[in-house]
């Protein structure tokens, strides 16, 4: 069994399609707003591999408050169930934040040039 945490997101959705097409039909999809609510421990139970593709809105304060707790819960559940964890989100978030930062710097420079 392979579990995708964050399966409704862009990364999770594409990963699910690829896994199903090329690797296994035994996939558990877990999203932020599932039909039936499960805690992290139950969501991971029985999984050989857990793909962590969870994201939060692009709100740095929310990330600071919630992401560490979410990640801690996932890591702990993977330890309990002896599941391998594949982490697929940080690079994409970093790239998005860097791009956002570059846009802000560009806009600041444009405003300064017009003053």
Protein backbone atom coordinates (compact mmCIF):
# COMPACT_ATOMS: atom_id res chain seq x y z
CA UNK A 1 0.00 0.00 0.00
CA UNK A 2 1.19 3.48 -0.86
CA UNK A 3 -0.37 6.58 0.70
CA UNK A 4 -0.36 10.10 -0.72
CA UNK A 5 -0.91 12.80 1.89
CA UNK A 6 -2.12 15.90 0.05
CA UNK A 7 -3.60 14.00 -2.88
CA UNK A 8 -5.89 16.86 -3.98
CA UNK A 9 -2.96 19.20 -4.64
CA UNK A 10 -1.20 19.51 -7.96
CA UNK A 11 1.78 17.36 -6.94
CA UNK A 12 -0.32 14.73 -5.19
CA UNK A 13 -2.74 14.47 -8.11
CA UNK A 14 0.02 13.94 -10.67
CA UNK A 15 1.84 11.50 -8.40
CA UNK A 16 -1.35 9.44 -7.95
CA UNK A 17 -1.85 9.21 -11.72
CA UNK A 18 1.76 8.10 -12.29
CA UNK A 19 1.77 5.56 -9.46
CA UNK A 20 -1.52 4.07 -10.65
CA UNK A 21 -0.45 3.96 -14.29
CA UNK A 22 3.10 2.67 -13.85
CA UNK A 23 3.58 1.09 -10.44
CA UNK A 24 0.67 0.02 -8.22
CA UNK A 25 -3.10 0.11 -7.94
CA UNK A 26 -2.87 -0.04 -4.13
CA UNK A 27 -2.94 3.67 -3.38
CA UNK A 28 -4.62 5.45 -0.48
CA UNK A 29 -5.42 9.10 -1.20
CA UNK A 30 -5.60 11.49 1.77
CA UNK A 31 -6.56 15.13 1.32
CA UNK A 32 -7.21 18.20 3.43
CA UNK A 33 -10.97 17.80 3.07
CA UNK A 34 -11.58 14.05 2.84
CA UNK A 35 -15.06 12.53 2.78
CA UNK A 36 -14.37 10.60 5.99
CA UNK A 37 -11.98 12.19 8.47
CA UNK A 38 -9.02 10.10 9.66
CA UNK A 39 -6.17 11.15 11.88
CA UNK A 40 -2.64 10.98 10.51
CA UNK A 41 -1.86 7.75 12.35
CA UNK A 42 -4.86 5.93 10.82
CA UNK A 43 -4.21 7.42 7.39
CA UNK A 44 -0.70 5.94 7.35
CA UNK A 45 -1.52 2.58 8.93
CA UNK A 46 -0.65 -0.30 6.59
CA UNK A 47 1.36 1.86 4.19
CA UNK A 48 4.76 0.73 2.93
CA UNK A 49 5.47 4.17 1.48
CA UNK A 50 3.97 7.55 2.39
CA UNK A 51 4.32 10.47 -0.01
CA UNK A 52 4.10 13.82 1.77
CA UNK A 53 2.82 16.34 -0.77
CA UNK A 54 0.81 18.42 1.68
CA UNK A 55 0.78 22.14 1.17
CA UNK A 56 -0.69 25.13 2.91
CA UNK A 57 -1.84 28.39 1.35
CA UNK A 58 0.98 30.80 0.51
CA UNK A 59 0.78 32.47 3.90
CA UNK A 60 4.13 32.54 5.69
CA UNK A 61 2.55 33.01 9.13
CA UNK A 62 0.35 29.96 8.63
CA UNK A 63 3.38 27.93 7.51
CA UNK A 64 5.32 29.00 10.59
CA UNK A 65 2.46 28.01 12.91
CA UNK A 66 1.18 24.80 11.32
CA UNK A 67 3.72 23.15 9.05
CA UNK A 68 6.08 21.94 11.77
CA UNK A 69 3.22 20.29 13.67
CA UNK A 70 1.89 18.62 10.53
CA UNK A 71 5.33 17.31 9.62
CA UNK A 72 5.99 16.07 13.17
CA UNK A 73 2.70 14.13 13.12
CA UNK A 74 3.54 12.54 9.77
CA UNK A 75 7.06 11.56 10.83
CA UNK A 76 5.81 10.08 14.11
CA UNK A 77 3.09 8.06 12.35
CA UNK A 78 5.63 6.78 9.80
CA UNK A 79 7.89 5.65 12.66
CA UNK A 80 5.02 3.85 14.39
CA UNK A 81 3.98 2.02 11.23
CA UNK A 82 7.50 1.57 9.85
CA UNK A 83 6.52 3.37 6.64
CA UNK A 84 9.06 4.99 4.35
CA UNK A 85 8.48 8.72 3.95
CA UNK A 86 8.96 10.55 0.65
CA UNK A 87 8.92 14.31 1.04
CA UNK A 88 7.95 16.20 -2.14
CA UNK A 89 7.00 19.70 -1.15
CA UNK A 90 9.83 21.86 0.13
CA UNK A 91 11.64 22.43 -3.16
CA UNK A 92 8.49 23.61 -4.92
CA UNK A 93 7.55 25.93 -2.05
CA UNK A 94 11.04 27.37 -1.93
CA UNK A 95 10.96 28.01 -5.68
CA UNK A 96 7.55 29.68 -5.43
CA UNK A 97 8.69 31.87 -2.54
CA UNK A 98 11.89 32.81 -4.38
CA UNK A 99 9.89 33.74 -7.47
CA UNK A 100 7.50 35.80 -5.34
CA UNK A 101 10.46 37.51 -3.67
CA UNK A 102 12.01 38.33 -7.06
CA UNK A 103 8.72 39.86 -8.21
CA UNK A 104 8.55 42.00 -5.06
CA UNK A 105 12.17 43.13 -5.49
CA UNK A 106 11.47 44.01 -9.11
CA UNK A 107 8.39 46.03 -8.18
CA UNK A 108 10.29 47.89 -5.45
CA UNK A 109 13.02 48.75 -7.96
CA UNK A 110 10.47 49.99 -10.50
CA UNK A 111 8.84 52.22 -7.88
CA UNK A 112 12.24 53.59 -6.75
CA UNK A 113 13.16 54.36 -10.35
CA UNK A 114 9.99 56.38 -10.79
CA UNK A 115 10.45 58.50 -7.66
